[in-house]
């Protein structure tokens, strides 16, 4: 989904919450509070990935229920947005497969 502002998406999230859907909004950041593998991504989740240069805007950061980090070894501190999204989506798919197995 592409939106001109986080406000449009967050209004949609609020409508889902009002309908009783337990949607979790997860942002990614190299300084996130927990590793992405430690989060429960098996339920309804909106993943928010910032760009490589500036990351997430203040509005998105504030809207996230949690900020996750992708643990990395070596001297690199971050991934590009496409790579970060791939890692997080893979982890969500892995968790969902393991719950149905």
N, C-alpha and C. Protein backbone atom coordinates (compact mmCIF):
# COMPACT_ATOMS: atom_id res chain seq x y z
N UNK A 1 0.85 -1.17 0.00
CA UNK A 1 0.00 0.00 0.00
C UNK A 1 0.89 1.24 0.00
N UNK A 2 0.58 2.18 -0.83
CA UNK A 2 1.33 3.44 -0.87
C UNK A 2 0.38 4.55 -0.45
N UNK A 3 0.85 5.40 0.43
CA UNK A 3 0.03 6.48 0.94
C UNK A 3 0.86 7.75 1.01
N UNK A 4 0.22 8.88 0.84
CA UNK A 4 0.94 10.15 0.89
C UNK A 4 1.28 10.56 2.32
N UNK A 5 0.64 9.96 3.29
CA UNK A 5 0.88 10.33 4.68
C UNK A 5 0.63 9.14 5.60
N UNK A 6 1.36 9.10 6.70
CA UNK A 6 1.12 8.05 7.69
C UNK A 6 -0.28 8.17 8.28
N UNK A 7 -0.86 9.36 8.26
CA UNK A 7 -2.18 9.58 8.86
C UNK A 7 -3.27 8.74 8.19
N UNK A 8 -3.21 8.60 6.87
CA UNK A 8 -4.20 7.79 6.16
C UNK A 8 -4.12 6.33 6.59
N UNK A 9 -2.92 5.82 6.67
CA UNK A 9 -2.74 4.43 7.05
C UNK A 9 -3.15 4.23 8.51
N UNK A 10 -2.80 5.16 9.37
CA UNK A 10 -3.14 5.02 10.78
C UNK A 10 -4.64 5.15 11.02
N UNK A 11 -5.34 5.90 10.19
CA UNK A 11 -6.80 5.95 10.28
C UNK A 11 -7.37 4.58 9.93
N UNK A 12 -6.80 3.91 8.94
CA UNK A 12 -7.21 2.54 8.58
C UNK A 12 -6.93 1.58 9.73
N UNK A 13 -5.75 1.71 10.35
CA UNK A 13 -5.39 0.86 11.50
C UNK A 13 -6.40 1.08 12.61
N UNK A 14 -6.75 2.32 12.89
CA UNK A 14 -7.72 2.62 13.95
C UNK A 14 -9.08 2.00 13.64
N UNK A 15 -9.51 2.04 12.38
CA UNK A 15 -10.78 1.40 12.01
C UNK A 15 -10.72 -0.10 12.28
N UNK A 16 -9.59 -0.73 11.96
CA UNK A 16 -9.44 -2.17 12.23
C UNK A 16 -9.48 -2.45 13.72
N UNK A 17 -8.81 -1.63 14.52
CA UNK A 17 -8.84 -1.80 15.97
C UNK A 17 -10.26 -1.65 16.51
N UNK A 18 -11.00 -0.67 15.97
CA UNK A 18 -12.39 -0.44 16.39
C UNK A 18 -13.25 -1.66 16.09
N UNK A 19 -12.92 -2.37 14.99
CA UNK A 19 -13.66 -3.58 14.62
C UNK A 19 -13.19 -4.81 15.40
N UNK A 20 -12.21 -4.62 16.29
CA UNK A 20 -11.75 -5.72 17.12
C UNK A 20 -10.58 -6.51 16.58
N UNK A 21 -9.97 -6.08 15.51
CA UNK A 21 -8.82 -6.79 14.95
C UNK A 21 -7.56 -6.40 15.72
N UNK A 22 -6.86 -7.37 16.28
CA UNK A 22 -5.66 -7.06 17.07
C UNK A 22 -4.42 -6.86 16.20
N UNK A 23 -4.43 -5.84 15.39
CA UNK A 23 -3.31 -5.55 14.49
C UNK A 23 -2.16 -4.91 15.26
N UNK A 24 -0.95 -5.41 15.05
CA UNK A 24 0.24 -4.86 15.67
C UNK A 24 1.05 -4.11 14.63
N UNK A 25 1.47 -2.89 14.93
CA UNK A 25 2.27 -2.09 14.02
C UNK A 25 3.74 -2.20 14.46
N UNK A 26 4.56 -2.79 13.59
CA UNK A 26 5.97 -3.04 13.89
C UNK A 26 6.84 -2.22 12.95
N UNK A 27 7.69 -1.39 13.51
CA UNK A 27 8.65 -0.63 12.73
C UNK A 27 10.02 -1.28 12.84
N UNK A 28 10.90 -0.95 11.91
CA UNK A 28 12.26 -1.47 11.97
C UNK A 28 13.25 -0.32 12.12
N UNK A 29 14.27 -0.58 12.93
CA UNK A 29 15.30 0.41 13.17
C UNK A 29 16.52 -0.31 13.73
N UNK A 30 17.70 0.13 13.36
CA UNK A 30 18.91 -0.52 13.86
C UNK A 30 19.03 -0.42 15.37
N UNK A 31 18.33 0.52 15.98
CA UNK A 31 18.33 0.67 17.44
C UNK A 31 17.01 0.20 18.06
N UNK A 32 16.31 -0.69 17.38
CA UNK A 32 15.04 -1.20 17.88
C UNK A 32 15.18 -1.84 19.25
N UNK A 33 14.06 -1.99 19.94
CA UNK A 33 14.07 -2.50 21.31
C UNK A 33 14.19 -4.01 21.40
N UNK A 34 13.91 -4.74 20.33
CA UNK A 34 14.03 -6.20 20.38
C UNK A 34 14.38 -6.74 18.99
N UNK A 35 14.96 -7.93 18.99
CA UNK A 35 15.28 -8.59 17.72
C UNK A 35 14.00 -9.02 17.03
N UNK A 36 13.99 -8.94 15.72
CA UNK A 36 12.80 -9.29 14.95
C UNK A 36 12.38 -10.74 15.21
N UNK A 37 13.31 -11.64 15.45
CA UNK A 37 12.98 -13.05 15.70
C UNK A 37 12.31 -13.24 17.05
N UNK A 38 12.43 -12.28 17.95
CA UNK A 38 11.82 -12.38 19.28
C UNK A 38 10.39 -11.83 19.31
N UNK A 39 9.94 -11.22 18.23
CA UNK A 39 8.58 -10.69 18.16
C UNK A 39 7.61 -11.76 17.68
N UNK A 40 6.37 -11.65 18.10
CA UNK A 40 5.33 -12.53 17.58
C UNK A 40 4.77 -11.87 16.32
N UNK A 41 5.17 -12.41 15.17
CA UNK A 41 4.72 -11.87 13.89
C UNK A 41 3.70 -12.78 13.22
N UNK A 42 3.17 -13.75 13.97
CA UNK A 42 2.25 -14.72 13.38
C UNK A 42 0.83 -14.17 13.25
N UNK A 43 0.51 -13.15 14.01
CA UNK A 43 -0.82 -12.56 13.93
C UNK A 43 -0.86 -11.41 12.95
N UNK A 44 -2.01 -10.72 12.90
CA UNK A 44 -2.13 -9.57 12.01
C UNK A 44 -1.09 -8.50 12.35
N UNK A 45 -0.24 -8.20 11.38
CA UNK A 45 0.88 -7.29 11.62
C UNK A 45 1.04 -6.34 10.44
N UNK A 46 1.21 -5.07 10.76
CA UNK A 46 1.57 -4.08 9.75
C UNK A 46 3.04 -3.78 9.96
N UNK A 47 3.85 -4.08 8.96
CA UNK A 47 5.29 -3.85 9.05
C UNK A 47 5.61 -2.52 8.37
N UNK A 48 6.37 -1.70 9.07
CA UNK A 48 6.74 -0.38 8.57
C UNK A 48 8.25 -0.36 8.41
N UNK A 49 8.69 -0.15 7.18
CA UNK A 49 10.12 -0.15 6.86
C UNK A 49 10.49 1.25 6.39
N UNK A 50 11.48 1.85 7.03
CA UNK A 50 11.93 3.18 6.63
C UNK A 50 12.92 3.11 5.48
N UNK A 51 13.26 4.25 4.94
CA UNK A 51 14.23 4.27 3.84
C UNK A 51 15.65 4.20 4.40
N UNK A 52 16.59 3.95 3.51
CA UNK A 52 17.98 3.73 3.93
C UNK A 52 18.65 4.98 4.49
N UNK A 53 18.25 6.13 4.04
CA UNK A 53 18.92 7.37 4.42
C UNK A 53 18.43 7.92 5.75
N UNK A 54 17.12 8.04 5.90
CA UNK A 54 16.58 8.70 7.09
C UNK A 54 15.76 7.78 7.99
N UNK A 55 15.51 6.55 7.57
CA UNK A 55 14.71 5.64 8.40
C UNK A 55 13.25 6.07 8.43
N UNK A 56 12.60 5.80 9.54
CA UNK A 56 11.18 6.13 9.69
C UNK A 56 11.01 7.57 10.15
N UNK A 57 9.93 8.19 9.71
CA UNK A 57 9.62 9.54 10.16
C UNK A 57 9.19 9.49 11.63
N UNK A 58 9.18 10.64 12.27
CA UNK A 58 8.74 10.72 13.67
C UNK A 58 7.29 10.25 13.81
N UNK A 59 6.45 10.57 12.85
CA UNK A 59 5.06 10.15 12.89
C UNK A 59 4.91 8.63 12.89
N UNK A 60 5.67 7.98 12.03
CA UNK A 60 5.63 6.52 11.99
C UNK A 60 6.21 5.91 13.26
N UNK A 61 7.32 6.46 13.73
CA UNK A 61 7.92 5.93 14.97
C UNK A 61 6.93 5.97 16.12
N UNK A 62 6.24 7.07 16.24
CA UNK A 62 5.27 7.23 17.31
C UNK A 62 4.10 6.27 17.15
N UNK A 63 3.73 5.96 15.93
CA UNK A 63 2.59 5.09 15.68
C UNK A 63 2.89 3.61 15.89
N UNK A 64 4.15 3.23 15.87
CA UNK A 64 4.51 1.82 16.00
C UNK A 64 4.29 1.32 17.42
N UNK A 65 3.76 0.10 17.51
CA UNK A 65 3.60 -0.54 18.81
C UNK A 65 4.96 -0.99 19.35
N UNK A 66 5.85 -1.34 18.44
CA UNK A 66 7.20 -1.75 18.82
C UNK A 66 8.16 -1.47 17.68
N UNK A 67 9.41 -1.30 18.05
CA UNK A 67 10.46 -1.11 17.05
C UNK A 67 11.39 -2.31 17.13
N UNK A 68 11.59 -2.97 15.99
CA UNK A 68 12.41 -4.17 15.93
C UNK A 68 13.73 -3.88 15.23
N UNK A 69 14.72 -4.64 15.61
CA UNK A 69 16.02 -4.54 14.94
C UNK A 69 16.33 -5.89 14.30
N UNK A 70 17.11 -5.82 13.25
CA UNK A 70 17.61 -7.02 12.59
C UNK A 70 19.05 -7.19 13.06
N UNK A 71 19.33 -8.22 13.86
CA UNK A 71 20.69 -8.36 14.38
C UNK A 71 21.68 -8.60 13.25
N UNK A 72 22.80 -7.90 13.32
CA UNK A 72 23.81 -8.01 12.28
C UNK A 72 25.19 -8.06 12.93
N UNK A 73 26.05 -8.84 12.34
CA UNK A 73 27.44 -8.92 12.81
C UNK A 73 28.31 -8.10 11.85
N UNK A 74 29.48 -7.75 12.30
CA UNK A 74 30.40 -7.01 11.44
C UNK A 74 30.23 -5.52 11.59
N UNK A 75 30.74 -4.79 10.61
CA UNK A 75 30.76 -3.33 10.72
C UNK A 75 29.54 -2.64 10.13
N UNK A 76 28.72 -3.34 9.35
CA UNK A 76 27.52 -2.71 8.79
C UNK A 76 26.52 -2.45 9.89
N UNK A 77 25.86 -1.30 9.85
CA UNK A 77 24.89 -0.96 10.89
C UNK A 77 23.45 -1.09 10.41
N UNK A 78 23.24 -1.17 9.10
CA UNK A 78 21.87 -1.26 8.60
C UNK A 78 21.85 -1.91 7.22
N UNK A 79 20.64 -2.28 6.82
CA UNK A 79 20.40 -2.85 5.50
C UNK A 79 19.61 -1.85 4.67
N UNK A 80 19.61 -2.04 3.35
CA UNK A 80 18.72 -1.18 2.57
C UNK A 80 17.28 -1.62 2.83
N UNK A 81 16.34 -0.78 2.47
CA UNK A 81 14.94 -1.03 2.80
C UNK A 81 14.42 -2.35 2.23
N UNK A 82 14.77 -2.66 1.00
CA UNK A 82 14.29 -3.91 0.39
C UNK A 82 14.84 -5.12 1.13
N UNK A 83 16.09 -5.08 1.51
CA UNK A 83 16.69 -6.20 2.24
C UNK A 83 16.07 -6.33 3.63
N UNK A 84 15.87 -5.22 4.30
CA UNK A 84 15.26 -5.26 5.63
C UNK A 84 13.84 -5.82 5.55
N UNK A 85 13.08 -5.38 4.56
CA UNK A 85 11.72 -5.89 4.40
C UNK A 85 11.73 -7.39 4.13
N UNK A 86 12.67 -7.84 3.32
CA UNK A 86 12.78 -9.27 3.01
C UNK A 86 13.03 -10.08 4.28
N UNK A 87 13.94 -9.62 5.11
CA UNK A 87 14.26 -10.33 6.35
C UNK A 87 13.03 -10.40 7.26
N UNK A 88 12.35 -9.29 7.43
CA UNK A 88 11.19 -9.26 8.33
C UNK A 88 10.04 -10.10 7.78
N UNK A 89 9.79 -10.02 6.50
CA UNK A 89 8.73 -10.83 5.90
C UNK A 89 9.06 -12.32 5.96
N UNK A 90 10.32 -12.66 5.77
CA UNK A 90 10.73 -14.06 5.90
C UNK A 90 10.48 -14.56 7.32
N UNK A 91 10.84 -13.76 8.31
CA UNK A 91 10.63 -14.16 9.70
C UNK A 91 9.15 -14.34 10.00
N UNK A 92 8.31 -13.45 9.51
CA UNK A 92 6.87 -13.58 9.71
C UNK A 92 6.35 -14.87 9.06
N UNK A 93 6.80 -15.15 7.84
CA UNK A 93 6.38 -16.37 7.16
C UNK A 93 6.87 -17.61 7.90
N UNK A 94 8.09 -17.57 8.41
CA UNK A 94 8.64 -18.70 9.16
C UNK A 94 7.80 -18.97 10.41
N UNK A 95 7.46 -17.91 11.13
CA UNK A 95 6.66 -18.08 12.33
C UNK A 95 5.27 -18.62 12.00
N UNK A 96 4.68 -18.14 10.95
CA UNK A 96 3.33 -18.58 10.57
C UNK A 96 3.32 -20.02 10.12
N UNK A 97 4.37 -20.43 9.39
CA UNK A 97 4.49 -21.85 8.99
C UNK A 97 4.63 -22.74 10.20
N UNK A 98 5.43 -22.32 11.16
CA UNK A 98 5.68 -23.17 12.34
C UNK A 98 4.43 -23.30 13.21
N UNK A 99 3.55 -22.33 13.17
CA UNK A 99 2.30 -22.41 13.95
C UNK A 99 1.29 -23.33 13.30
N UNK A 100 1.35 -23.49 11.99
CA UNK A 100 0.40 -24.37 11.30
C UNK A 100 0.91 -25.79 11.18
N UNK A 101 2.19 -26.00 11.44
CA UNK A 101 2.78 -27.35 11.30
C UNK A 101 2.43 -28.23 12.47
